[in-house]
Amino acid sequence: MDPLYLSQIIPDVLDPFISTISLRVTYNSRLLLAGAALKPSAVVSKPQVDVGGNDMRVSYTLVLVDPDAPSPSDPSLREYLHWMVTDIPETTSISFGEELILYEKPEPRSGIHRMVFVLFRQLGRRTVFAPEKRHNFNCRIFARQHHLNIVAATYFNCQREAGWGGRRFAPEGP
């Protein structure tokens, strides 16, 4: 089963979509696999992010959101925006884009937080603008406002350094 469904990122954060481009996220030279468990000490610095494809005329926006802020049991700040980079040319890395919202390292205080990277295809360069605030960002509304299409997504789980246990999902009904 797709990790985005298993973790309930679809439907909590994203509507169903078909991934059409590769998205490679690397923290400290370690490739991020969907659903990996990372402590805050492993995500202090922004990751290296590479976008696949073969047409440098196409641009993308990358966001990193926490749909479980401030806690999974009370996500009143959902979706907290940790990072936004726009105008990333296809076939390159985020270093070729424009960082509109500076990277803020995840520091969950309670529970296990899903940290979601979403890659959107833009209509053109300089067509995406930063939101006024980080808290209560909404990927769906943001995509509609800026005429964006989701082309890739991945996530990792993050909890405080001394955290333990696992994310629990309600069993599926009959």
C-alpha atoms as a PDB file:
ATOM      1  CA  MET A   1       0.000   0.000   0.000  1.00  0.00           C
ATOM      2  CA  ASP A   2       1.158   3.536  -0.755  1.00  0.00           C
ATOM      3  CA  PRO A   3       2.871   5.054   2.329  1.00  0.00           C
ATOM      4  CA  LEU A   4       0.961   8.340   1.839  1.00  0.00           C
ATOM      5  CA  TYR A   5      -2.344   6.479   2.288  1.00  0.00           C
ATOM      6  CA  LEU A   6      -1.033   4.257   5.061  1.00  0.00           C
ATOM      7  CA  SER A   7       0.095   7.309   7.065  1.00  0.00           C
ATOM      8  CA  GLN A   8      -3.180   9.106   6.244  1.00  0.00           C
ATOM      9  CA  ILE A   9      -1.339  12.004   4.585  1.00  0.00           C
ATOM     10  CA  ILE A  10      -3.877  11.297   1.869  1.00  0.00           C
ATOM     11  CA  PRO A  11      -6.543  12.514   2.841  1.00  0.00           C
ATOM     12  CA  ASP A  12      -5.332  14.597   5.859  1.00  0.00           C
ATOM     13  CA  VAL A  13      -3.038  16.857   3.804  1.00  0.00           C
ATOM     14  CA  LEU A  14      -3.336  15.926   0.134  1.00  0.00           C
ATOM     15  CA  ASP A  15      -5.981  14.742  -2.269  1.00  0.00           C
ATOM     16  CA  PRO A  16      -5.134  11.610  -4.252  1.00  0.00           C
ATOM     17  CA  PHE A  17      -2.667  12.322  -7.060  1.00  0.00           C
ATOM     18  CA  ILE A  18      -0.418  10.480  -9.480  1.00  0.00           C
ATOM     19  CA  SER A  19       3.301  11.028  -8.955  1.00  0.00           C
ATOM     20  CA  THR A  20       4.791  12.215 -12.259  1.00  0.00           C
ATOM     21  CA  ILE A  21       8.307  13.335 -11.301  1.00  0.00           C
ATOM     22  CA  SER A  22      10.999  11.976  -9.012  1.00  0.00           C
ATOM     23  CA  LEU A  23      11.675  13.746  -5.722  1.00  0.00           C
ATOM     24  CA  ARG A  24      14.858  12.821  -3.871  1.00  0.00           C
ATOM     25  CA  VAL A  25      15.315  14.156  -0.313  1.00  0.00           C
ATOM     26  CA  THR A  26      18.628  13.606   1.481  1.00  0.00           C
ATOM     27  CA  TYR A  27      19.403  14.526   5.098  1.00  0.00           C
ATOM     28  CA  ASN A  28      23.070  14.332   6.091  1.00  0.00           C
ATOM     29  CA  SER A  29      23.920  12.239   2.997  1.00  0.00           C
ATOM     30  CA  ARG A  30      21.174   9.713   3.860  1.00  0.00           C
ATOM     31  CA  LEU A  31      18.350   9.215   1.381  1.00  0.00           C
ATOM     32  CA  LEU A  32      14.952   9.768   2.978  1.00  0.00           C
ATOM     33  CA  LEU A  33      12.621   6.816   2.551  1.00  0.00           C
ATOM     34  CA  ALA A  34       8.907   7.449   2.977  1.00  0.00           C
ATOM     35  CA  GLY A  35       7.898   6.905   6.593  1.00  0.00           C
ATOM     36  CA  ALA A  36      11.421   6.949   8.036  1.00  0.00           C
ATOM     37  CA  ALA A  37      11.733   7.918  11.703  1.00  0.00           C
ATOM     38  CA  LEU A  38      14.069  10.882  12.231  1.00  0.00           C
ATOM     39  CA  LYS A  39      14.845  12.711  15.472  1.00  0.00           C
ATOM     40  CA  PRO A  40      15.142  16.524  15.504  1.00  0.00           C
ATOM     41  CA  SER A  41      18.935  16.209  15.781  1.00  0.00           C
ATOM     42  CA  ALA A  42      18.968  14.547  12.331  1.00  0.00           C
ATOM     43  CA  VAL A  43      17.000  17.342  10.638  1.00  0.00           C
ATOM     44  CA  VAL A  44      18.659  20.460  12.061  1.00  0.00           C
ATOM     45  CA  SER A  45      19.862  21.627   8.643  1.00  0.00           C
ATOM     46  CA  LYS A  46      17.763  21.777   5.517  1.00  0.00           C
ATOM     47  CA  PRO A  47      18.033  18.705   3.332  1.00  0.00           C
ATOM     48  CA  GLN A  48      19.385  18.352  -0.171  1.00  0.00           C
ATOM     49  CA  VAL A  49      16.410  18.000  -2.504  1.00  0.00           C
ATOM     50  CA  ASP A  50      16.681  16.956  -6.149  1.00  0.00           C
ATOM     51  CA  VAL A  51      13.905  17.121  -8.724  1.00  0.00           C
ATOM     52  CA  GLY A  52      13.876  14.702 -11.649  1.00  0.00           C
ATOM     53  CA  GLY A  53      12.742  15.266 -15.191  1.00  0.00           C
ATOM     54  CA  ASN A  54      14.427  16.576 -18.302  1.00  0.00           C
ATOM     55  CA  ASP A  55      12.963  20.013 -19.098  1.00  0.00           C
ATOM     56  CA  MET A  56      14.646  22.938 -17.315  1.00  0.00           C
ATOM     57  CA  ARG A  57      11.886  25.277 -18.543  1.00  0.00           C
ATOM     58  CA  VAL A  58       9.430  23.672 -16.082  1.00  0.00           C
ATOM     59  CA  SER A  59       9.413  25.063 -12.519  1.00  0.00           C
ATOM     60  CA  TYR A  60       8.363  23.603  -9.187  1.00  0.00           C
ATOM     61  CA  THR A  61       7.526  24.682  -5.645  1.00  0.00           C
ATOM     62  CA  LEU A  62       8.535  22.552  -2.667  1.00  0.00           C
ATOM     63  CA  VAL A  63       6.908  22.842   0.752  1.00  0.00           C
ATOM     64  CA  LEU A  64       7.559  21.030   4.020  1.00  0.00           C
ATOM     65  CA  VAL A  65       4.521  20.942   6.318  1.00  0.00           C
ATOM     66  CA  ASP A  66       3.640  19.434   9.683  1.00  0.00           C
ATOM     67  CA  PRO A  67      -0.032  18.412   9.763  1.00  0.00           C
ATOM     68  CA  ASP A  68       0.304  17.362  13.409  1.00  0.00           C
ATOM     69  CA  ALA A  69       1.294  20.706  14.969  1.00  0.00           C
ATOM     70  CA  PRO A  70       1.364  21.360  17.848  1.00  0.00           C
ATOM     71  CA  SER A  71       0.422  17.765  18.721  1.00  0.00           C
ATOM     72  CA  PRO A  72      -1.199  14.869  16.840  1.00  0.00           C
ATOM     73  CA  SER A  73      -4.080  14.810  19.351  1.00  0.00           C
ATOM     74  CA  ASP A  74      -4.739  18.561  18.877  1.00  0.00           C
ATOM     75  CA  PRO A  75      -3.434  19.701  15.460  1.00  0.00           C
ATOM     76  CA  SER A  76      -4.762  23.258  15.863  1.00  0.00           C
ATOM     77  CA  LEU A  77      -1.846  24.755  13.873  1.00  0.00           C
ATOM     78  CA  ARG A  78      -2.232  22.206  11.047  1.00  0.00           C
ATOM     79  CA  GLU A  79      -0.459  22.447   8.535  1.00  0.00           C
ATOM     80  CA  TYR A  80       2.550  24.237   9.994  1.00  0.00           C
ATOM     81  CA  LEU A  81       4.821  25.423   7.159  1.00  0.00           C
ATOM     82  CA  HIS A  82       8.473  24.621   7.878  1.00  0.00           C
ATOM     83  CA  TRP A  83       9.904  25.511   4.467  1.00  0.00           C
ATOM     84  CA  MET A  84       9.050  26.808   1.003  1.00  0.00           C
ATOM     85  CA  VAL A  85      11.236  26.963  -2.108  1.00  0.00           C
ATOM     86  CA  THR A  86       9.803  28.149  -5.437  1.00  0.00           C
ATOM     87  CA  ASP A  87      10.969  28.379  -9.049  1.00  0.00           C
ATOM     88  CA  ILE A  88      13.009  25.156  -8.881  1.00  0.00           C
ATOM     89  CA  PRO A  89      13.878  24.155 -12.450  1.00  0.00           C
ATOM     90  CA  GLU A  90      13.186  20.558 -13.432  1.00  0.00           C
ATOM     91  CA  THR A  91      16.306  18.321 -13.405  1.00  0.00           C
ATOM     92  CA  THR A  92      17.986  20.423 -10.690  1.00  0.00           C
ATOM     93  CA  SER A  93      18.109  20.799  -6.918  1.00  0.00           C
ATOM     94  CA  ILE A  94      16.457  23.277  -4.592  1.00  0.00           C
ATOM     95  CA  SER A  95      19.670  25.306  -4.600  1.00  0.00           C
ATOM     96  CA  PHE A  96      18.526  26.625  -8.008  1.00  0.00           C
ATOM     97  CA  GLY A  97      15.172  27.767  -6.607  1.00  0.00           C
ATOM     98  CA  GLU A  98      14.162  30.735  -4.474  1.00  0.00           C
ATOM     99  CA  GLU A  99      13.729  30.107  -0.750  1.00  0.00           C
ATOM    100  CA  LEU A 100      10.625  32.139   0.175  1.00  0.00           C
ATOM    101  CA  ILE A 101      10.157  30.649   3.643  1.00  0.00           C
ATOM    102  CA  LEU A 102      13.422  29.808   5.405  1.00  0.00           C
ATOM    103  CA  TYR A 103      13.877  26.260   6.664  1.00  0.00           C
ATOM    104  CA  GLU A 104      12.743  25.837  10.254  1.00  0.00           C
ATOM    105  CA  LYS A 105      13.860  22.558  11.778  1.00  0.00           C
ATOM    106  CA  PRO A 106      11.109  20.330  13.138  1.00  0.00           C
ATOM    107  CA  GLU A 107      10.996  20.229  16.953  1.00  0.00           C
ATOM    108  CA  PRO A 108       7.927  18.260  18.014  1.00  0.00           C
ATOM    109  CA  ARG A 109       7.081  18.694  21.700  1.00  0.00           C
ATOM    110  CA  SER A 110       4.683  15.780  21.980  1.00  0.00           C
ATOM    111  CA  GLY A 111       3.712  12.799  19.891  1.00  0.00           C
ATOM    112  CA  ILE A 112       4.959  11.648  16.525  1.00  0.00           C
ATOM    113  CA  HIS A 113       4.632  14.236  13.776  1.00  0.00           C
ATOM    114  CA  ARG A 114       4.370  13.498  10.063  1.00  0.00           C
ATOM    115  CA  MET A 115       6.655  15.893   8.207  1.00  0.00           C
ATOM    116  CA  VAL A 116       5.428  16.083   4.611  1.00  0.00           C
ATOM    117  CA  PHE A 117       7.380  17.253   1.561  1.00  0.00           C
ATOM    118  CA  VAL A 118       5.101  18.236  -1.320  1.00  0.00           C
ATOM    119  CA  LEU A 119       6.348  19.120  -4.798  1.00  0.00           C
ATOM    120  CA  PHE A 120       4.015  21.213  -6.952  1.00  0.00           C
ATOM    121  CA  ARG A 121       4.389  21.976 -10.657  1.00  0.00           C
ATOM    122  CA  GLN A 122       4.052  25.712 -11.318  1.00  0.00           C
ATOM    123  CA  LEU A 123       2.361  27.353 -14.309  1.00  0.00           C
ATOM    124  CA  GLY A 124       5.486  29.482 -14.793  1.00  0.00           C
ATOM    125  CA  ARG A 125       8.303  31.200 -12.973  1.00  0.00           C
ATOM    126  CA  ARG A 126       7.511  33.869 -10.381  1.00  0.00           C
ATOM    127  CA  THR A 127       3.872  32.805 -10.085  1.00  0.00           C
ATOM    128  CA  VAL A 128       4.025  31.581  -6.468  1.00  0.00           C
ATOM    129  CA  PHE A 129       4.200  33.834  -3.421  1.00  0.00           C
ATOM    130  CA  ALA A 130       4.857  33.241   0.259  1.00  0.00           C
ATOM    131  CA  PRO A 131       1.921  33.062   2.668  1.00  0.00           C
ATOM    132  CA  GLU A 132       1.629  35.647   5.434  1.00  0.00           C
ATOM    133  CA  LYS A 133       2.087  33.111   8.241  1.00  0.00           C
ATOM    134  CA  ARG A 134       3.493  29.645   8.825  1.00  0.00           C
ATOM    135  CA  HIS A 135       0.695  28.203  10.964  1.00  0.00           C
ATOM    136  CA  ASN A 136      -2.557  26.920   9.466  1.00  0.00           C
ATOM    137  CA  PHE A 137      -1.046  26.692   5.979  1.00  0.00           C
ATOM    138  CA  ASN A 138      -3.182  24.502   3.719  1.00  0.00           C
ATOM    139  CA  CYS A 139      -1.671  22.648   0.751  1.00  0.00           C
ATOM    140  CA  ARG A 140      -5.026  22.313  -1.024  1.00  0.00           C
ATOM    141  CA  ILE A 141      -5.908  26.009  -0.775  1.00  0.00           C
ATOM    142  CA  PHE A 142      -2.342  27.030  -1.645  1.00  0.00           C
ATOM    143  CA  ALA A 143      -2.438  24.862  -4.775  1.00  0.00           C
ATOM    144  CA  ARG A 144      -5.770  26.358  -5.892  1.00  0.00           C
ATOM    145  CA  GLN A 145      -4.627  29.949  -5.260  1.00  0.00           C
ATOM    146  CA  HIS A 146      -1.442  29.515  -7.296  1.00  0.00           C
ATOM    147  CA  HIS A 147      -2.748  27.072  -9.944  1.00  0.00           C
ATOM    148  CA  LEU A 148      -0.368  24.314  -8.856  1.00  0.00           C
ATOM    149  CA  ASN A 149      -0.503  20.570  -9.434  1.00  0.00           C
ATOM    150  CA  ILE A 150       0.964  18.036  -7.018  1.00  0.00           C
ATOM    151  CA  VAL A 151       3.548  15.921  -8.809  1.00  0.00           C
ATOM    152  CA  ALA A 152       5.351  14.202  -5.913  1.00  0.00           C
ATOM    153  CA  ALA A 153       5.294  13.867  -2.136  1.00  0.00           C
ATOM    154  CA  THR A 154       7.086  12.017   0.618  1.00  0.00           C
ATOM    155  CA  TYR A 155       7.266  12.228   4.388  1.00  0.00           C
ATOM    156  CA  PHE A 156       9.099  11.240   7.531  1.00  0.00           C
ATOM    157  CA  ASN A 157       8.014  10.792  11.121  1.00  0.00           C
ATOM    158  CA  CYS A 158       9.621  13.004  13.758  1.00  0.00           C
ATOM    159  CA  GLN A 159       9.354  13.037  17.540  1.00  0.00           C
ATOM    160  CA  ARG A 160      11.306  14.686  20.334  1.00  0.00           C
ATOM    161  CA  GLU A 161      14.745  13.255  21.081  1.00  0.00           C
ATOM    162  CA  ALA A 162      13.568  11.287  24.121  1.00  0.00           C
ATOM    163  CA  GLY A 163      10.337  10.165  22.440  1.00  0.00           C
ATOM    164  CA  TRP A 164       9.320   6.553  22.117  1.00  0.00           C
ATOM    165  CA  GLY A 165       6.443   4.492  20.790  1.00  0.00           C
ATOM    166  CA  GLY A 166       4.702   4.519  17.454  1.00  0.00           C
ATOM    167  CA  ARG A 167       1.932   6.292  15.609  1.00  0.00           C
ATOM    168  CA  ARG A 168      -1.328   4.489  16.082  1.00  0.00           C
ATOM    169  CA  PHE A 169      -4.009   4.445  13.433  1.00  0.00           C
ATOM    170  CA  ALA A 170      -7.586   3.401  13.933  1.00  0.00           C
ATOM    171  CA  PRO A 171      -8.218  -0.044  12.457  1.00  0.00           C
ATOM    172  CA  GLU A 172     -10.191  -0.011   9.234  1.00  0.00           C
ATOM    173  CA  GLY A 173     -13.824  -0.901   9.591  1.00  0.00           C
ATOM    174  CA  PRO A 174     -15.484  -3.990   8.103  1.00  0.00           C
END
